[in-house]
Amino acid sequence: MGVTIFSGLHPHLRAQAARLYWEAFGGKLGRVLGPDEKALAFFERVIRTDLCLAALDDGGALVGLAGYKTPGGSFAGGGWADLKAIYGRFGGRWRGWVLWSLTQDIDNDRFLVDGICVARQHRNKGVGTQLLSALYVEAAARGYRSVRLDVVDANWRARALYERHGFMATQTESMGLLRHLFGFATSTTMVRPLKATAPPAPLNADVHKPTPSTG
């Protein structure tokens, strides 16, 4: 099976993207954004198709995603109005305050990753590595010198992948009482410097034209 990385996400893949994102992060967000049907509706509503990299198989199915944040927004952020539309006035308000503790961070000096996820049946096949490599290209094209991501203590497999790619832990923060809501106790910031070379051309933003990253 071949996998191709695209810059951006075609609108018809929004529902697939929401399911994939929830499959990956529902374990830590389930108590806040569940039940499943509401969480899927929320992510299908808020995901930014221009702030991600998408991995598609030969049949056009979405098998992986890498979202990122910029000063202008984030891949899976949303706002108060989105939360209210899905969860109601009260439900949207308390969820907004809780999520704010996780999503308030913007890093203007480092390219900030907003979640990497690979479909279960496609894990351990190199898709995550391809997405990380494409993120380095995107970061360099935007003028960044390093890439930053955050990994929770429960996700040791992801941390091992990031360490193999040269990411180094720089800071670990305790979740405090929020650990009972999210199901993890700490979050570690990891950073990978980019090589000091001339920045490459940005990945193609037209999802009908693949980048040369295949595997």
N, C-alpha and C. Protein backbone atom coordinates (compact mmCIF):
# COMPACT_ATOMS: atom_id res chain seq x y z
N MET A 1 0.84 -1.20 0.00
CA MET A 1 0.00 0.00 0.00
C MET A 1 0.87 1.24 0.00
N GLY A 2 0.58 2.16 -0.90
CA GLY A 2 1.29 3.42 -0.95
C GLY A 2 0.56 4.48 -0.14
N VAL A 3 1.31 5.38 0.47
CA VAL A 3 0.74 6.49 1.22
C VAL A 3 1.38 7.77 0.73
N THR A 4 0.57 8.77 0.45
CA THR A 4 1.05 10.05 -0.05
C THR A 4 0.63 11.15 0.92
N ILE A 5 1.54 12.08 1.16
CA ILE A 5 1.28 13.19 2.08
C ILE A 5 0.88 14.43 1.29
N PHE A 6 -0.22 15.05 1.69
CA PHE A 6 -0.70 16.26 1.07
C PHE A 6 -0.71 17.40 2.07
N SER A 7 -0.51 18.60 1.59
CA SER A 7 -0.66 19.78 2.42
C SER A 7 -2.10 20.26 2.33
N GLY A 8 -2.79 20.25 3.46
CA GLY A 8 -4.20 20.61 3.46
C GLY A 8 -5.09 19.40 3.35
N LEU A 9 -6.38 19.63 3.53
CA LEU A 9 -7.35 18.54 3.56
C LEU A 9 -8.54 18.91 2.69
N HIS A 10 -8.90 18.03 1.78
CA HIS A 10 -10.06 18.28 0.92
C HIS A 10 -11.33 18.29 1.78
N PRO A 11 -12.25 19.21 1.52
CA PRO A 11 -13.46 19.32 2.36
C PRO A 11 -14.24 18.01 2.49
N HIS A 12 -14.24 17.16 1.48
CA HIS A 12 -15.04 15.94 1.57
C HIS A 12 -14.46 14.95 2.58
N LEU A 13 -13.25 15.22 3.09
CA LEU A 13 -12.62 14.34 4.07
C LEU A 13 -12.81 14.83 5.50
N ARG A 14 -13.60 15.87 5.71
CA ARG A 14 -13.77 16.41 7.06
C ARG A 14 -14.30 15.37 8.04
N ALA A 15 -15.30 14.62 7.63
CA ALA A 15 -15.88 13.62 8.54
C ALA A 15 -14.86 12.54 8.88
N GLN A 16 -14.09 12.09 7.89
CA GLN A 16 -13.03 11.11 8.15
C GLN A 16 -11.99 11.68 9.11
N ALA A 17 -11.65 12.95 8.90
CA ALA A 17 -10.65 13.59 9.76
C ALA A 17 -11.15 13.69 11.19
N ALA A 18 -12.42 14.03 11.38
CA ALA A 18 -12.98 14.12 12.73
C ALA A 18 -12.94 12.77 13.42
N ARG A 19 -13.29 11.72 12.71
CA ARG A 19 -13.27 10.38 13.31
C ARG A 19 -11.84 9.97 13.66
N LEU A 20 -10.91 10.25 12.78
CA LEU A 20 -9.51 9.89 13.02
C LEU A 20 -8.95 10.64 14.21
N TYR A 21 -9.26 11.92 14.31
CA TYR A 21 -8.76 12.73 15.41
C TYR A 21 -9.36 12.24 16.74
N TRP A 22 -10.64 11.93 16.73
CA TRP A 22 -11.28 11.48 17.96
C TRP A 22 -10.79 10.09 18.35
N GLU A 23 -10.52 9.25 17.37
CA GLU A 23 -9.96 7.92 17.64
C GLU A 23 -8.63 8.05 18.36
N ALA A 24 -7.84 9.05 17.98
CA ALA A 24 -6.51 9.22 18.56
C ALA A 24 -6.56 9.92 19.91
N PHE A 25 -7.42 10.91 20.07
CA PHE A 25 -7.38 11.75 21.27
C PHE A 25 -8.61 11.64 22.17
N GLY A 26 -9.55 10.78 21.79
CA GLY A 26 -10.72 10.60 22.63
C GLY A 26 -10.38 10.05 24.01
N GLY A 27 -9.27 9.31 24.10
CA GLY A 27 -8.89 8.76 25.39
C GLY A 27 -8.61 9.82 26.43
N LYS A 28 -8.06 10.95 26.00
CA LYS A 28 -7.77 12.01 26.97
C LYS A 28 -8.83 13.11 26.99
N LEU A 29 -9.65 13.18 25.94
CA LEU A 29 -10.66 14.24 25.87
C LEU A 29 -12.09 13.73 26.07
N GLY A 30 -12.24 12.42 26.23
CA GLY A 30 -13.57 11.83 26.27
C GLY A 30 -14.47 12.36 27.36
N ARG A 31 -13.92 12.60 28.54
CA ARG A 31 -14.74 13.08 29.65
C ARG A 31 -15.15 14.54 29.46
N VAL A 32 -14.44 15.24 28.61
CA VAL A 32 -14.74 16.65 28.39
C VAL A 32 -15.60 16.85 27.15
N LEU A 33 -15.25 16.20 26.04
CA LEU A 33 -15.95 16.44 24.79
C LEU A 33 -16.93 15.34 24.39
N GLY A 34 -16.96 14.24 25.15
CA GLY A 34 -17.92 13.19 24.86
C GLY A 34 -19.35 13.65 25.14
N PRO A 35 -20.34 12.84 24.71
CA PRO A 35 -20.22 11.52 24.09
C PRO A 35 -19.72 11.58 22.64
N ASP A 36 -19.50 10.42 22.07
CA ASP A 36 -18.84 10.34 20.77
C ASP A 36 -19.53 11.17 19.70
N GLU A 37 -20.86 11.09 19.62
CA GLU A 37 -21.56 11.78 18.52
C GLU A 37 -21.39 13.29 18.61
N LYS A 38 -21.35 13.83 19.82
CA LYS A 38 -21.16 15.27 19.96
C LYS A 38 -19.72 15.66 19.66
N ALA A 39 -18.77 14.84 20.11
CA ALA A 39 -17.37 15.13 19.83
C ALA A 39 -17.09 15.11 18.33
N LEU A 40 -17.65 14.14 17.63
CA LEU A 40 -17.45 14.07 16.18
C LEU A 40 -18.07 15.28 15.49
N ALA A 41 -19.25 15.69 15.94
CA ALA A 41 -19.89 16.87 15.36
C ALA A 41 -19.05 18.11 15.62
N PHE A 42 -18.48 18.20 16.81
CA PHE A 42 -17.66 19.36 17.15
C PHE A 42 -16.42 19.43 16.26
N PHE A 43 -15.68 18.33 16.15
CA PHE A 43 -14.45 18.37 15.36
C PHE A 43 -14.72 18.53 13.87
N GLU A 44 -15.80 17.93 13.38
CA GLU A 44 -16.13 18.14 11.97
C GLU A 44 -16.46 19.61 11.71
N ARG A 45 -16.98 20.28 12.71
CA ARG A 45 -17.31 21.69 12.58
C ARG A 45 -16.07 22.59 12.62
N VAL A 46 -15.10 22.28 13.49
CA VAL A 46 -14.04 23.25 13.79
C VAL A 46 -12.71 23.00 13.07
N ILE A 47 -12.46 21.79 12.57
CA ILE A 47 -11.13 21.55 12.01
C ILE A 47 -10.84 22.51 10.85
N ARG A 48 -9.58 22.98 10.85
CA ARG A 48 -9.11 23.88 9.80
C ARG A 48 -8.40 23.06 8.73
N THR A 49 -9.00 22.98 7.55
CA THR A 49 -8.44 22.15 6.49
C THR A 49 -7.14 22.71 5.93
N ASP A 50 -6.84 23.98 6.24
CA ASP A 50 -5.62 24.60 5.73
C ASP A 50 -4.46 24.51 6.72
N LEU A 51 -4.70 23.94 7.90
CA LEU A 51 -3.65 23.88 8.92
C LEU A 51 -3.33 22.44 9.30
N CYS A 52 -3.13 21.63 8.27
CA CYS A 52 -2.80 20.23 8.53
C CYS A 52 -2.11 19.61 7.33
N LEU A 53 -1.54 18.47 7.57
CA LEU A 53 -1.00 17.59 6.54
C LEU A 53 -1.80 16.30 6.58
N ALA A 54 -2.15 15.76 5.42
CA ALA A 54 -3.00 14.59 5.36
C ALA A 54 -2.28 13.45 4.65
N ALA A 55 -2.38 12.25 5.21
CA ALA A 55 -1.81 11.05 4.60
C ALA A 55 -2.96 10.23 4.00
N LEU A 56 -2.91 10.03 2.68
CA LEU A 56 -3.94 9.28 1.98
C LEU A 56 -3.36 8.03 1.36
N ASP A 57 -4.14 6.94 1.38
CA ASP A 57 -3.67 5.72 0.73
C ASP A 57 -4.00 5.76 -0.76
N ASP A 58 -3.69 4.69 -1.47
CA ASP A 58 -3.87 4.68 -2.92
C ASP A 58 -5.33 4.82 -3.33
N GLY A 59 -6.25 4.46 -2.42
CA GLY A 59 -7.67 4.57 -2.74
C GLY A 59 -8.28 5.89 -2.33
N GLY A 60 -7.46 6.80 -1.79
CA GLY A 60 -7.96 8.11 -1.39
C GLY A 60 -8.50 8.17 0.02
N ALA A 61 -8.35 7.09 0.80
CA ALA A 61 -8.83 7.09 2.18
C ALA A 61 -7.81 7.80 3.07
N LEU A 62 -8.31 8.51 4.05
CA LEU A 62 -7.46 9.23 5.00
C LEU A 62 -6.93 8.26 6.04
N VAL A 63 -5.61 8.12 6.13
CA VAL A 63 -5.01 7.17 7.07
C VAL A 63 -4.17 7.86 8.13
N GLY A 64 -3.94 9.16 8.00
CA GLY A 64 -3.16 9.88 8.99
C GLY A 64 -3.32 11.37 8.85
N LEU A 65 -3.07 12.08 9.95
CA LEU A 65 -3.20 13.54 9.99
C LEU A 65 -2.11 14.12 10.88
N ALA A 66 -1.65 15.30 10.54
CA ALA A 66 -0.78 16.08 11.42
C ALA A 66 -1.27 17.52 11.37
N GLY A 67 -1.87 17.97 12.46
CA GLY A 67 -2.33 19.34 12.54
C GLY A 67 -1.26 20.23 13.14
N TYR A 68 -1.38 21.54 12.92
CA TYR A 68 -0.43 22.46 13.52
C TYR A 68 -1.12 23.78 13.84
N LYS A 69 -0.43 24.57 14.69
CA LYS A 69 -0.94 25.86 15.11
C LYS A 69 -0.13 26.98 14.49
N THR A 70 -0.79 28.09 14.26
CA THR A 70 -0.13 29.31 13.80
C THR A 70 -0.72 30.47 14.61
N PRO A 71 -0.12 31.65 14.53
CA PRO A 71 -0.73 32.80 15.21
C PRO A 71 -2.16 33.08 14.75
N GLY A 72 -2.53 32.56 13.57
CA GLY A 72 -3.87 32.79 13.04
C GLY A 72 -4.88 31.72 13.36
N GLY A 73 -4.48 30.68 14.10
CA GLY A 73 -5.43 29.63 14.46
C GLY A 73 -4.76 28.28 14.59
N SER A 74 -5.58 27.28 14.90
CA SER A 74 -5.06 25.93 15.06
C SER A 74 -5.98 24.93 14.36
N PHE A 75 -5.44 23.75 14.08
CA PHE A 75 -6.16 22.75 13.31
C PHE A 75 -7.47 22.33 13.98
N ALA A 76 -7.44 22.06 15.28
CA ALA A 76 -8.62 21.53 15.95
C ALA A 76 -9.00 22.39 17.16
N GLY A 77 -8.95 23.69 17.01
CA GLY A 77 -9.21 24.57 18.14
C GLY A 77 -10.68 24.87 18.35
N GLY A 78 -11.27 25.64 17.48
CA GLY A 78 -12.64 26.07 17.68
C GLY A 78 -12.71 27.19 18.71
N GLY A 79 -13.91 27.62 19.03
CA GLY A 79 -14.10 28.71 19.97
C GLY A 79 -15.38 28.54 20.77
N TRP A 80 -15.70 29.57 21.55
CA TRP A 80 -16.88 29.52 22.41
C TRP A 80 -18.15 29.26 21.61
N ALA A 81 -18.28 29.92 20.48
CA ALA A 81 -19.49 29.77 19.68
C ALA A 81 -19.65 28.33 19.19
N ASP A 82 -18.54 27.68 18.84
CA ASP A 82 -18.60 26.30 18.37
C ASP A 82 -19.02 25.36 19.50
N LEU A 83 -18.44 25.57 20.68
CA LEU A 83 -18.81 24.74 21.83
C LEU A 83 -20.28 24.92 22.19
N LYS A 84 -20.76 26.16 22.16
CA LYS A 84 -22.16 26.43 22.48
C LYS A 84 -23.08 25.77 21.47
N ALA A 85 -22.69 25.80 20.19
CA ALA A 85 -23.54 25.23 19.15
C ALA A 85 -23.71 23.72 19.32
N ILE A 86 -22.69 23.04 19.83
CA ILE A 86 -22.75 21.59 19.96
C ILE A 86 -23.23 21.16 21.34
N TYR A 87 -22.78 21.85 22.39
CA TYR A 87 -23.04 21.40 23.77
C TYR A 87 -24.03 22.26 24.54
N GLY A 88 -24.50 23.34 23.93
CA GLY A 88 -25.41 24.22 24.63
C GLY A 88 -24.67 25.29 25.43
N ARG A 89 -25.43 26.24 25.98
CA ARG A 89 -24.81 27.37 26.67
C ARG A 89 -23.99 26.92 27.88
N PHE A 90 -24.59 26.16 28.78
CA PHE A 90 -23.87 25.74 29.98
C PHE A 90 -22.78 24.74 29.65
N GLY A 91 -23.12 23.73 28.85
CA GLY A 91 -22.12 22.70 28.50
C GLY A 91 -20.95 23.28 27.75
N GLY A 92 -21.22 24.25 26.87
CA GLY A 92 -20.13 24.87 26.12
C GLY A 92 -19.24 25.71 27.00
N ARG A 93 -19.84 26.36 28.01
CA ARG A 93 -19.06 27.26 28.85
C ARG A 93 -18.05 26.50 29.71
N TRP A 94 -18.49 25.45 30.41
CA TRP A 94 -17.54 24.77 31.28
C TRP A 94 -16.50 23.99 30.48
N ARG A 95 -16.90 23.47 29.34
CA ARG A 95 -15.93 22.79 28.49
C ARG A 95 -14.89 23.78 27.96
N GLY A 96 -15.33 24.98 27.64
CA GLY A 96 -14.41 25.99 27.15
C GLY A 96 -13.35 26.35 28.17
N TRP A 97 -13.77 26.50 29.42
CA TRP A 97 -12.80 26.84 30.46
C TRP A 97 -11.80 25.72 30.67
N VAL A 98 -12.27 24.47 30.63
CA VAL A 98 -11.36 23.33 30.83
C VAL A 98 -10.39 23.21 29.66
N LEU A 99 -10.90 23.31 28.44
CA LEU A 99 -10.04 23.17 27.26
C LEU A 99 -9.06 24.32 27.15
N TRP A 100 -9.42 25.48 27.64
CA TRP A 100 -8.52 26.63 27.59
C TRP A 100 -7.20 26.32 28.27
N SER A 101 -7.26 25.48 29.31
CA SER A 101 -6.04 25.13 30.03
C SER A 101 -5.08 24.31 29.18
N LEU A 102 -5.61 23.67 28.11
CA LEU A 102 -4.77 22.87 27.23
C LEU A 102 -4.38 23.59 25.95
N THR A 103 -5.23 24.48 25.46
CA THR A 103 -5.07 25.01 24.10
C THR A 103 -4.65 26.47 24.05
N GLN A 104 -4.39 27.10 25.19
CA GLN A 104 -4.08 28.52 25.17
C GLN A 104 -2.71 28.83 24.59
N ASP A 105 -1.84 27.85 24.51
CA ASP A 105 -0.45 28.10 24.16
C ASP A 105 -0.27 28.37 22.67
N ILE A 106 0.44 29.43 22.35
CA ILE A 106 0.89 29.72 21.00
C ILE A 106 2.39 30.02 21.07
N ASP A 107 3.15 29.38 20.19
CA ASP A 107 4.60 29.54 20.21
C ASP A 107 5.02 30.23 18.92
N ASN A 108 5.42 31.50 19.01
CA ASN A 108 5.79 32.24 17.81
C ASN A 108 7.21 31.95 17.34
N ASP A 109 8.01 31.29 18.18
CA ASP A 109 9.40 31.02 17.84
C ASP A 109 9.62 29.61 17.29
N ARG A 110 8.71 28.70 17.63
CA ARG A 110 8.84 27.31 17.19
C ARG A 110 7.54 26.86 16.53
N PHE A 111 7.67 26.00 15.54
CA PHE A 111 6.51 25.47 14.83
C PHE A 111 5.77 24.51 15.75
N LEU A 112 4.53 24.82 16.10
CA LEU A 112 3.80 24.10 17.13
C LEU A 112 2.84 23.09 16.52
N VAL A 113 3.08 21.82 16.79
CA VAL A 113 2.25 20.74 16.26
C VAL A 113 0.99 20.60 17.10
N ASP A 114 -0.14 20.44 16.43
CA ASP A 114 -1.44 20.35 17.09
C ASP A 114 -2.02 18.96 16.91
N GLY A 115 -1.21 17.94 17.17
CA GLY A 115 -1.71 16.57 17.14
C GLY A 115 -1.32 15.80 15.89
N ILE A 116 -0.78 14.60 16.09
CA ILE A 116 -0.47 13.67 15.00
C ILE A 116 -1.27 12.40 15.28
N CYS A 117 -1.98 11.91 14.28
CA CYS A 117 -2.76 10.69 14.48
C CYS A 117 -2.71 9.82 13.23
N VAL A 118 -2.68 8.52 13.47
CA VAL A 118 -2.64 7.52 12.40
C VAL A 118 -3.72 6.48 12.69
N ALA A 119 -4.48 6.11 11.68
CA ALA A 119 -5.53 5.11 11.86
C ALA A 119 -4.94 3.81 12.41
N ARG A 120 -5.68 3.15 13.28
CA ARG A 120 -5.15 1.97 13.98
C ARG A 120 -4.59 0.94 13.03
N GLN A 121 -5.30 0.64 11.95
CA GLN A 121 -4.88 -0.42 11.03
C GLN A 121 -3.65 -0.04 10.21
N HIS A 122 -3.23 1.23 10.31
CA HIS A 122 -2.07 1.68 9.54
C HIS A 122 -0.89 2.06 10.43
N ARG A 123 -0.98 1.78 11.73
CA ARG A 123 0.12 2.09 12.62
C ARG A 123 1.27 1.11 12.43
N ASN A 124 2.45 1.56 12.80
CA ASN A 124 3.68 0.76 12.67
C ASN A 124 4.01 0.44 11.21
N LYS A 125 3.57 1.32 10.30
CA LYS A 125 3.87 1.14 8.88
C LYS A 125 4.61 2.35 8.31
N GLY A 126 5.07 3.23 9.19
CA GLY A 126 5.86 4.37 8.72
C GLY A 126 5.07 5.62 8.41
N VAL A 127 3.74 5.60 8.62
CA VAL A 127 2.93 6.76 8.30
C VAL A 127 3.28 7.93 9.22
N GLY A 128 3.45 7.64 10.51
CA GLY A 128 3.82 8.70 11.46
C GLY A 128 5.14 9.36 11.11
N THR A 129 6.09 8.54 10.67
CA THR A 129 7.39 9.07 10.26
C THR A 129 7.26 9.97 9.04
N GLN A 130 6.43 9.57 8.08
CA GLN A 130 6.21 10.40 6.90
C GLN A 130 5.58 11.74 7.27
N LEU A 131 4.62 11.70 8.19
CA LEU A 131 3.98 12.95 8.61
C LEU A 131 4.96 13.87 9.32
N LEU A 132 5.80 13.30 10.17
CA LEU A 132 6.81 14.12 10.85
C LEU A 132 7.76 14.75 9.85
N SER A 133 8.20 13.98 8.88
CA SER A 133 9.12 14.51 7.86
C SER A 133 8.47 15.65 7.08
N ALA A 134 7.18 15.50 6.78
CA ALA A 134 6.47 16.57 6.07
C ALA A 134 6.30 17.80 6.95
N LEU A 135 6.14 17.59 8.25
CA LEU A 135 6.05 18.73 9.17
C LEU A 135 7.34 19.53 9.19
N TYR A 136 8.49 18.86 9.09
CA TYR A 136 9.76 19.57 9.06
C TYR A 136 9.84 20.47 7.83
N VAL A 137 9.36 19.95 6.70
CA VAL A 137 9.36 20.73 5.47
C VAL A 137 8.45 21.96 5.62
N GLU A 138 7.26 21.73 6.16
CA GLU A 138 6.31 22.83 6.35
C GLU A 138 6.88 23.89 7.29
N ALA A 139 7.49 23.43 8.37
CA ALA A 139 8.06 24.36 9.35
C ALA A 139 9.17 25.20 8.72
N ALA A 140 10.06 24.56 7.99
CA ALA A 140 11.16 25.28 7.36
C ALA A 140 10.65 26.27 6.33
N ALA A 141 9.63 25.88 5.57
CA ALA A 141 9.07 26.77 4.56
C ALA A 141 8.45 28.01 5.19
N ARG A 142 7.98 27.88 6.43
CA ARG A 142 7.39 29.01 7.13
C ARG A 142 8.42 29.82 7.91
N GLY A 143 9.68 29.41 7.83
CA GLY A 143 10.74 30.19 8.44
C GLY A 143 11.09 29.82 9.87
N TYR A 144 10.56 28.69 10.35
CA TYR A 144 10.88 28.27 11.71
C TYR A 144 12.21 27.51 11.75
N ARG A 145 12.86 27.55 12.90
CA ARG A 145 14.13 26.85 13.08
C ARG A 145 14.00 25.59 13.93
N SER A 146 12.82 25.37 14.49
CA SER A 146 12.61 24.17 15.30
C SER A 146 11.13 23.83 15.32
N VAL A 147 10.84 22.57 15.68
CA VAL A 147 9.48 22.07 15.76
C VAL A 147 9.21 21.68 17.21
N ARG A 148 8.04 22.04 17.70
CA ARG A 148 7.66 21.73 19.08
C ARG A 148 6.36 20.95 19.09
N LEU A 149 6.28 19.98 19.99
CA LEU A 149 5.04 19.26 20.24
C LEU A 149 4.96 18.92 21.72
N ASP A 150 3.77 18.51 22.17
CA ASP A 150 3.56 18.13 23.56
C ASP A 150 3.01 16.72 23.60
N VAL A 151 3.53 15.90 24.50
CA VAL A 151 3.10 14.51 24.61
C VAL A 151 2.77 14.21 26.06
N VAL A 152 1.67 13.48 26.28
CA VAL A 152 1.24 13.17 27.65
C VAL A 152 1.94 11.92 28.14
N ASP A 153 1.97 11.77 29.47
CA ASP A 153 2.72 10.66 30.06
C ASP A 153 2.17 9.29 29.66
N ALA A 154 0.87 9.22 29.35
CA ALA A 154 0.26 7.94 29.00
C ALA A 154 0.61 7.49 27.58
N ASN A 155 1.11 8.40 26.76
CA ASN A 155 1.37 8.07 25.35
C ASN A 155 2.86 7.80 25.15
N TRP A 156 3.35 6.73 25.75
CA TRP A 156 4.78 6.44 25.69
C TRP A 156 5.23 5.99 24.31
N ARG A 157 4.33 5.38 23.53
CA ARG A 157 4.70 4.97 22.18
C ARG A 157 5.03 6.18 21.31
N ALA A 158 4.18 7.23 21.41
CA ALA A 158 4.43 8.44 20.64
C ALA A 158 5.73 9.09 21.09
N ARG A 159 5.96 9.13 22.40
CA ARG A 159 7.20 9.76 22.89
C ARG A 159 8.42 9.03 22.35
N ALA A 160 8.35 7.70 22.30
CA ALA A 160 9.48 6.93 21.78
C ALA A 160 9.74 7.27 20.31
N LEU A 161 8.65 7.44 19.52
CA LEU A 161 8.80 7.83 18.12
C LEU A 161 9.47 9.19 18.01
N TYR A 162 9.01 10.15 18.82
CA TYR A 162 9.56 11.49 18.75
C TYR A 162 11.04 11.50 19.15
N GLU A 163 11.39 10.72 20.14
CA GLU A 163 12.79 10.66 20.56
C GLU A 163 13.66 10.08 19.46
N ARG A 164 13.14 9.08 18.75
CA ARG A 164 13.90 8.51 17.62
C ARG A 164 14.11 9.55 16.53
N HIS A 165 13.21 10.52 16.44
CA HIS A 165 13.33 11.57 15.43
C HIS A 165 14.13 12.77 15.92
N GLY A 166 14.72 12.67 17.08
CA GLY A 166 15.58 13.75 17.56
C GLY A 166 14.90 14.79 18.42
N PHE A 167 13.65 14.56 18.81
CA PHE A 167 12.99 15.48 19.73
C PHE A 167 13.56 15.31 21.13
N MET A 168 13.74 16.41 21.82
CA MET A 168 14.27 16.39 23.18
C MET A 168 13.27 17.03 24.13
N ALA A 169 13.08 16.40 25.28
CA ALA A 169 12.18 16.94 26.30
C ALA A 169 12.79 18.19 26.90
N THR A 170 12.01 19.24 26.98
CA THR A 170 12.51 20.51 27.55
C THR A 170 11.76 20.93 28.80
N GLN A 171 10.55 20.41 28.99
CA GLN A 171 9.76 20.83 30.15
C GLN A 171 8.61 19.86 30.37
N THR A 172 8.32 19.54 31.62
CA THR A 172 7.18 18.70 31.97
C THR A 172 6.30 19.44 32.95
N GLU A 173 5.01 19.51 32.64
CA GLU A 173 4.06 20.22 33.49
C GLU A 173 3.04 19.25 34.07
N SER A 174 2.69 19.47 35.33
CA SER A 174 1.68 18.66 35.99
C SER A 174 0.29 19.18 35.66
N MET A 175 -0.66 18.28 35.49
CA MET A 175 -2.04 18.66 35.21
C MET A 175 -2.80 19.01 36.48
N GLY A 176 -2.22 18.70 37.64
CA GLY A 176 -2.91 19.00 38.89
C GLY A 176 -4.23 18.25 38.98
N LEU A 177 -5.25 18.91 39.48
CA LEU A 177 -6.56 18.27 39.64
C LEU A 177 -7.21 17.90 38.31
N LEU A 178 -6.80 18.57 37.24
CA LEU A 178 -7.38 18.26 35.92
C LEU A 178 -7.02 16.87 35.44
N ARG A 179 -6.05 16.23 36.11
CA ARG A 179 -5.68 14.87 35.69
C ARG A 179 -6.87 13.91 35.82
N HIS A 180 -7.79 14.21 36.73
CA HIS A 180 -8.96 13.34 36.91
C HIS A 180 -9.93 13.46 35.73
N LEU A 181 -9.92 14.60 35.05
CA LEU A 181 -10.76 14.78 33.87
C LEU A 181 -10.11 14.22 32.62
N PHE A 182 -8.81 14.46 32.47
CA PHE A 182 -8.14 14.10 31.23
C PHE A 182 -7.49 12.72 31.24
N GLY A 183 -7.28 12.14 32.40
CA GLY A 183 -6.73 10.80 32.45
C GLY A 183 -5.23 10.71 32.30
N PHE A 184 -4.53 11.83 32.38
CA PHE A 184 -3.07 11.81 32.39
C PHE A 184 -2.58 12.84 33.39
N ALA A 185 -1.40 12.59 33.95
CA ALA A 185 -0.92 13.42 35.06
C ALA A 185 0.02 14.53 34.62
N THR A 186 0.78 14.30 33.55
CA THR A 186 1.74 15.30 33.11
C THR A 186 1.76 15.41 31.59
N SER A 187 2.25 16.55 31.12
CA SER A 187 2.44 16.80 29.69
C SER A 187 3.86 17.32 29.49
N THR A 188 4.58 16.70 28.56
CA THR A 188 5.97 17.06 28.32
C THR A 188 6.14 17.77 26.99
N THR A 189 6.80 18.90 27.02
CA THR A 189 7.14 19.63 25.80
C THR A 189 8.41 19.05 25.21
N MET A 190 8.38 18.76 23.89
CA MET A 190 9.53 18.21 23.19
C MET A 190 9.84 19.08 21.98
N VAL A 191 11.12 19.30 21.73
CA VAL A 191 11.56 20.20 20.66
C VAL A 191 12.61 19.52 19.80
N ARG A 192 12.50 19.73 18.49
CA ARG A 192 13.50 19.23 17.54
C ARG A 192 14.00 20.38 16.69
N PRO A 193 15.29 20.71 16.78
CA PRO A 193 15.83 21.76 15.90
C PRO A 193 15.82 21.30 14.44
N LEU A 194 15.64 22.24 13.54
CA LEU A 194 15.74 21.95 12.11
C LEU A 194 17.13 22.28 11.62
N LYS A 195 17.58 21.56 10.62
CA LYS A 195 18.91 21.80 10.08
C LYS A 195 18.98 23.19 9.47
N ALA A 196 20.08 23.85 9.66
CA ALA A 196 20.26 25.21 9.15
C ALA A 196 20.64 25.18 7.69
N THR A 197 19.63 24.90 6.85
CA THR A 197 19.82 24.90 5.41
C THR A 197 18.83 25.86 4.79
N ALA A 198 18.99 26.09 3.50
CA ALA A 198 18.04 26.96 2.81
C ALA A 198 16.65 26.36 2.91
N PRO A 199 15.62 27.14 3.23
CA PRO A 199 14.28 26.58 3.39
C PRO A 199 13.76 26.00 2.09
N PRO A 200 13.16 24.80 2.15
CA PRO A 200 12.61 24.18 0.94
C PRO A 200 11.33 24.87 0.52
N ALA A 201 10.91 24.56 -0.69
CA ALA A 201 9.62 25.08 -1.15
C ALA A 201 8.52 24.46 -0.31
N PRO A 202 7.44 25.20 -0.04
CA PRO A 202 6.35 24.65 0.78
C PRO A 202 5.68 23.49 0.08
N LEU A 203 5.07 22.61 0.88
CA LEU A 203 4.32 21.50 0.32
C LEU A 203 3.15 22.04 -0.50
N ASN A 204 2.77 21.29 -1.54
CA ASN A 204 1.69 21.72 -2.41
C ASN A 204 0.39 21.82 -1.64
N ALA A 205 -0.28 22.95 -1.73
CA ALA A 205 -1.52 23.16 -0.98
C ALA A 205 -2.73 22.57 -1.68
N ASP A 206 -2.58 22.13 -2.93
CA ASP A 206 -3.69 21.55 -3.68
C ASP A 206 -3.72 20.06 -3.41
N VAL A 207 -4.76 19.56 -2.73
CA VAL A 207 -4.78 18.16 -2.36
C VAL A 207 -4.89 17.23 -3.56
N HIS A 208 -5.14 17.75 -4.74
CA HIS A 208 -5.19 16.90 -5.92
C HIS A 208 -3.80 16.67 -6.50
N LYS A 209 -2.80 17.38 -5.96
CA LYS A 209 -1.43 17.24 -6.46
C LYS A 209 -0.55 16.79 -5.32
N PRO A 210 -0.12 15.50 -5.29
CA PRO A 210 0.62 14.99 -4.15
C PRO A 210 2.02 15.53 -4.05
N THR A 211 2.52 15.59 -2.82
CA THR A 211 3.93 15.86 -2.60
C THR A 211 4.70 14.57 -2.87
N PRO A 212 6.00 14.63 -3.05
CA PRO A 212 6.74 13.43 -3.41
C PRO A 212 7.03 12.50 -2.24
N SER A 213 6.40 12.69 -1.07
CA SER A 213 6.64 11.82 0.08
C SER A 213 5.74 10.62 0.01
N THR A 214 6.25 9.46 -0.38
CA THR A 214 5.45 8.25 -0.50
C THR A 214 6.15 7.10 0.19
N GLY A 215 5.38 6.07 0.48
CA GLY A 215 5.97 4.91 1.15
C GLY A 215 5.00 3.75 1.14
